[in-house]
Amino acid sequence: MAAPDEIDKAALDAAFGRALRSIRLERGVSQEALGLACGRHRTFVSILERGTHGASLETVVRLARGLGIRPSELVRRAEDELDG
């Protein structure tokens, strides 16, 4: 993994989005259902999955709860995606 000063934000956001989408699909949850479960709109989930924007820590926790997983699992999967 890159040093903290070498992290490419766009790559991190894209990796998080891929991890989020993968887990959501594994769980059989729609974007709309996930948005409702975590107090966000479906389009916000879509924006995150496309890697257009990053997620705050609060959002990571809300998404993880909405998916029925620990936030650390979502972050680990994003890290795995980033490391390729």
N, C-alpha and C. Protein backbone atom coordinates (compact mmCIF):
# COMPACT_ATOMS: atom_id res chain seq x y z
N MET A 1 0.84 -1.18 0.00
CA MET A 1 0.00 0.00 0.00
C MET A 1 0.88 1.24 0.00
N ALA A 2 0.43 2.29 -0.64
CA ALA A 2 1.21 3.52 -0.75
C ALA A 2 1.32 4.22 0.60
N ALA A 3 2.38 5.02 0.72
CA ALA A 3 2.53 5.84 1.91
C ALA A 3 1.37 6.84 1.97
N PRO A 4 1.01 7.33 3.18
CA PRO A 4 -0.14 8.24 3.29
C PRO A 4 -0.10 9.43 2.35
N ASP A 5 1.09 9.97 2.09
CA ASP A 5 1.17 11.13 1.20
C ASP A 5 1.09 10.75 -0.27
N GLU A 6 1.05 9.46 -0.57
CA GLU A 6 0.99 9.00 -1.95
C GLU A 6 -0.37 8.43 -2.34
N ILE A 7 -1.35 8.52 -1.45
CA ILE A 7 -2.66 7.95 -1.73
C ILE A 7 -3.37 8.80 -2.78
N ASP A 8 -3.83 8.15 -3.81
CA ASP A 8 -4.58 8.80 -4.88
C ASP A 8 -6.05 8.77 -4.48
N LYS A 9 -6.62 9.94 -4.16
CA LYS A 9 -8.00 10.02 -3.69
C LYS A 9 -8.97 9.43 -4.69
N ALA A 10 -8.79 9.70 -5.96
CA ALA A 10 -9.69 9.17 -6.97
C ALA A 10 -9.65 7.64 -6.98
N ALA A 11 -8.45 7.07 -6.85
CA ALA A 11 -8.33 5.61 -6.81
C ALA A 11 -8.97 5.04 -5.56
N LEU A 12 -8.81 5.73 -4.44
CA LEU A 12 -9.42 5.29 -3.18
C LEU A 12 -10.94 5.34 -3.28
N ASP A 13 -11.48 6.42 -3.81
CA ASP A 13 -12.93 6.54 -3.96
C ASP A 13 -13.48 5.46 -4.89
N ALA A 14 -12.76 5.17 -5.97
CA ALA A 14 -13.18 4.13 -6.90
C ALA A 14 -13.13 2.76 -6.24
N ALA A 15 -12.09 2.49 -5.48
CA ALA A 15 -11.96 1.20 -4.78
C ALA A 15 -13.07 1.03 -3.75
N PHE A 16 -13.38 2.10 -3.02
CA PHE A 16 -14.47 2.04 -2.06
C PHE A 16 -15.79 1.75 -2.77
N GLY A 17 -16.00 2.42 -3.88
CA GLY A 17 -17.24 2.22 -4.65
C GLY A 17 -17.38 0.79 -5.14
N ARG A 18 -16.30 0.21 -5.63
CA ARG A 18 -16.34 -1.19 -6.09
C ARG A 18 -16.65 -2.13 -4.93
N ALA A 19 -16.02 -1.87 -3.79
CA ALA A 19 -16.25 -2.72 -2.61
C ALA A 19 -17.70 -2.59 -2.14
N LEU A 20 -18.20 -1.38 -2.08
CA LEU A 20 -19.57 -1.15 -1.66
C LEU A 20 -20.55 -1.87 -2.58
N ARG A 21 -20.37 -1.71 -3.88
CA ARG A 21 -21.27 -2.35 -4.84
C ARG A 21 -21.20 -3.87 -4.72
N SER A 22 -20.01 -4.40 -4.60
CA SER A 22 -19.84 -5.84 -4.50
C SER A 22 -20.55 -6.40 -3.28
N ILE A 23 -20.37 -5.78 -2.13
CA ILE A 23 -21.03 -6.25 -0.92
C ILE A 23 -22.54 -6.10 -1.03
N ARG A 24 -22.99 -4.98 -1.57
CA ARG A 24 -24.43 -4.75 -1.72
C ARG A 24 -25.06 -5.82 -2.59
N LEU A 25 -24.41 -6.15 -3.70
CA LEU A 25 -24.95 -7.17 -4.59
C LEU A 25 -24.89 -8.56 -3.94
N GLU A 26 -23.82 -8.86 -3.21
CA GLU A 26 -23.72 -10.14 -2.49
C GLU A 26 -24.87 -10.30 -1.51
N ARG A 27 -25.27 -9.20 -0.91
CA ARG A 27 -26.34 -9.20 0.09
C ARG A 27 -27.72 -9.14 -0.54
N GLY A 28 -27.77 -8.91 -1.85
CA GLY A 28 -29.05 -8.83 -2.55
C GLY A 28 -29.86 -7.59 -2.18
N VAL A 29 -29.15 -6.49 -1.94
CA VAL A 29 -29.79 -5.24 -1.52
C VAL A 29 -29.75 -4.26 -2.69
N SER A 30 -30.86 -3.60 -2.95
CA SER A 30 -30.89 -2.58 -4.00
C SER A 30 -30.27 -1.29 -3.47
N GLN A 31 -29.90 -0.41 -4.38
CA GLN A 31 -29.39 0.89 -3.97
C GLN A 31 -30.44 1.64 -3.18
N GLU A 32 -31.68 1.54 -3.60
CA GLU A 32 -32.76 2.23 -2.90
C GLU A 32 -32.93 1.70 -1.48
N ALA A 33 -32.92 0.38 -1.33
CA ALA A 33 -33.07 -0.21 0.01
C ALA A 33 -31.90 0.16 0.91
N LEU A 34 -30.69 0.18 0.36
CA LEU A 34 -29.53 0.55 1.15
C LEU A 34 -29.62 2.02 1.56
N GLY A 35 -30.01 2.85 0.63
CA GLY A 35 -30.18 4.27 0.94
C GLY A 35 -31.18 4.48 2.07
N LEU A 36 -32.31 3.80 1.99
CA LEU A 36 -33.32 3.91 3.05
C LEU A 36 -32.78 3.40 4.38
N ALA A 37 -32.04 2.29 4.35
CA ALA A 37 -31.52 1.69 5.58
C ALA A 37 -30.49 2.57 6.27
N CYS A 38 -29.80 3.41 5.50
CA CYS A 38 -28.76 4.23 6.13
C CYS A 38 -29.09 5.72 6.10
N GLY A 39 -30.32 6.07 5.78
CA GLY A 39 -30.73 7.46 5.84
C GLY A 39 -30.18 8.33 4.73
N ARG A 40 -29.92 7.72 3.60
CA ARG A 40 -29.42 8.46 2.45
C ARG A 40 -30.30 8.15 1.23
N HIS A 41 -30.17 8.94 0.20
CA HIS A 41 -30.95 8.72 -1.02
C HIS A 41 -30.25 7.71 -1.92
N ARG A 42 -31.02 7.02 -2.74
CA ARG A 42 -30.47 6.04 -3.67
C ARG A 42 -29.39 6.65 -4.56
N THR A 43 -29.59 7.88 -4.99
CA THR A 43 -28.60 8.50 -5.88
C THR A 43 -27.27 8.71 -5.16
N PHE A 44 -27.31 8.93 -3.84
CA PHE A 44 -26.07 9.07 -3.08
C PHE A 44 -25.30 7.76 -3.08
N VAL A 45 -26.01 6.65 -2.92
CA VAL A 45 -25.37 5.33 -2.98
C VAL A 45 -24.75 5.13 -4.36
N SER A 46 -25.46 5.51 -5.39
CA SER A 46 -24.96 5.39 -6.75
C SER A 46 -23.70 6.22 -6.97
N ILE A 47 -23.69 7.43 -6.44
CA ILE A 47 -22.52 8.31 -6.57
C ILE A 47 -21.31 7.68 -5.90
N LEU A 48 -21.52 7.11 -4.72
CA LEU A 48 -20.41 6.44 -4.02
C LEU A 48 -19.92 5.24 -4.81
N GLU A 49 -20.84 4.43 -5.31
CA GLU A 49 -20.45 3.23 -6.05
C GLU A 49 -19.69 3.57 -7.33
N ARG A 50 -20.00 4.68 -7.94
CA ARG A 50 -19.28 5.09 -9.14
C ARG A 50 -17.94 5.72 -8.81
N GLY A 51 -17.68 5.98 -7.53
CA GLY A 51 -16.41 6.58 -7.13
C GLY A 51 -16.32 8.06 -7.42
N THR A 52 -17.47 8.69 -7.65
CA THR A 52 -17.49 10.12 -7.95
C THR A 52 -17.12 10.95 -6.74
N HIS A 53 -17.54 10.48 -5.56
CA HIS A 53 -17.24 11.15 -4.30
C HIS A 53 -16.83 10.11 -3.28
N GLY A 54 -16.11 10.56 -2.27
CA GLY A 54 -15.71 9.69 -1.17
C GLY A 54 -16.76 9.70 -0.08
N ALA A 55 -16.60 8.81 0.87
CA ALA A 55 -17.53 8.68 1.99
C ALA A 55 -16.87 9.13 3.29
N SER A 56 -17.62 9.85 4.10
CA SER A 56 -17.13 10.22 5.42
C SER A 56 -17.17 8.99 6.33
N LEU A 57 -16.53 9.09 7.46
CA LEU A 57 -16.56 7.99 8.42
C LEU A 57 -17.99 7.70 8.86
N GLU A 58 -18.78 8.74 9.09
CA GLU A 58 -20.18 8.55 9.46
C GLU A 58 -20.91 7.76 8.37
N THR A 59 -20.67 8.09 7.13
CA THR A 59 -21.33 7.40 6.03
C THR A 59 -20.87 5.95 5.94
N VAL A 60 -19.60 5.69 6.15
CA VAL A 60 -19.09 4.32 6.14
C VAL A 60 -19.82 3.49 7.20
N VAL A 61 -19.97 4.06 8.39
CA VAL A 61 -20.65 3.35 9.47
C VAL A 61 -22.12 3.12 9.11
N ARG A 62 -22.79 4.13 8.59
CA ARG A 62 -24.20 3.98 8.20
C ARG A 62 -24.37 2.92 7.11
N LEU A 63 -23.50 2.95 6.10
CA LEU A 63 -23.58 1.97 5.02
C LEU A 63 -23.36 0.56 5.55
N ALA A 64 -22.35 0.40 6.38
CA ALA A 64 -22.05 -0.92 6.93
C ALA A 64 -23.23 -1.45 7.73
N ARG A 65 -23.82 -0.61 8.56
CA ARG A 65 -25.00 -1.04 9.33
C ARG A 65 -26.14 -1.40 8.40
N GLY A 66 -26.32 -0.62 7.36
CA GLY A 66 -27.38 -0.90 6.39
C GLY A 66 -27.17 -2.22 5.67
N LEU A 67 -25.91 -2.61 5.53
CA LEU A 67 -25.56 -3.88 4.87
C LEU A 67 -25.46 -5.04 5.85
N GLY A 68 -25.54 -4.73 7.14
CA GLY A 68 -25.44 -5.77 8.16
C GLY A 68 -24.03 -6.30 8.36
N ILE A 69 -23.05 -5.43 8.15
CA ILE A 69 -21.64 -5.81 8.33
C ILE A 69 -20.97 -4.79 9.24
N ARG A 70 -19.76 -5.12 9.67
CA ARG A 70 -18.97 -4.18 10.46
C ARG A 70 -18.32 -3.16 9.52
N PRO A 71 -18.19 -1.93 9.96
CA PRO A 71 -17.50 -0.93 9.13
C PRO A 71 -16.11 -1.39 8.71
N SER A 72 -15.43 -2.10 9.59
CA SER A 72 -14.08 -2.57 9.27
C SER A 72 -14.09 -3.51 8.07
N GLU A 73 -15.16 -4.27 7.90
CA GLU A 73 -15.26 -5.17 6.74
C GLU A 73 -15.37 -4.37 5.45
N LEU A 74 -16.15 -3.33 5.47
CA LEU A 74 -16.29 -2.47 4.29
C LEU A 74 -14.96 -1.80 3.96
N VAL A 75 -14.27 -1.31 4.96
CA VAL A 75 -12.97 -0.68 4.74
C VAL A 75 -11.95 -1.70 4.25
N ARG A 76 -11.95 -2.91 4.84
CA ARG A 76 -11.01 -3.94 4.41
C ARG A 76 -11.23 -4.30 2.95
N ARG A 77 -12.49 -4.43 2.55
CA ARG A 77 -12.78 -4.76 1.16
C ARG A 77 -12.35 -3.63 0.23
N ALA A 78 -12.52 -2.41 0.67
CA ALA A 78 -12.06 -1.26 -0.14
C ALA A 78 -10.54 -1.28 -0.26
N GLU A 79 -9.88 -1.61 0.84
CA GLU A 79 -8.41 -1.70 0.83
C GLU A 79 -7.95 -2.81 -0.12
N ASP A 80 -8.64 -3.95 -0.08
CA ASP A 80 -8.32 -5.04 -1.00
C ASP A 80 -8.49 -4.60 -2.45
N GLU A 81 -9.55 -3.86 -2.73
CA GLU A 81 -9.78 -3.35 -4.08
C GLU A 81 -8.66 -2.39 -4.48
N LEU A 82 -8.25 -1.55 -3.55
CA LEU A 82 -7.21 -0.57 -3.83
C LEU A 82 -5.87 -1.25 -4.12
N ASP A 83 -5.58 -2.30 -3.35
CA ASP A 83 -4.32 -3.03 -3.52
C ASP A 83 -4.34 -3.90 -4.75
N GLY A 84 -5.54 -4.17 -5.27
CA GLY A 84 -5.71 -4.90 -6.51
C GLY A 84 -5.32 -6.30 -6.49
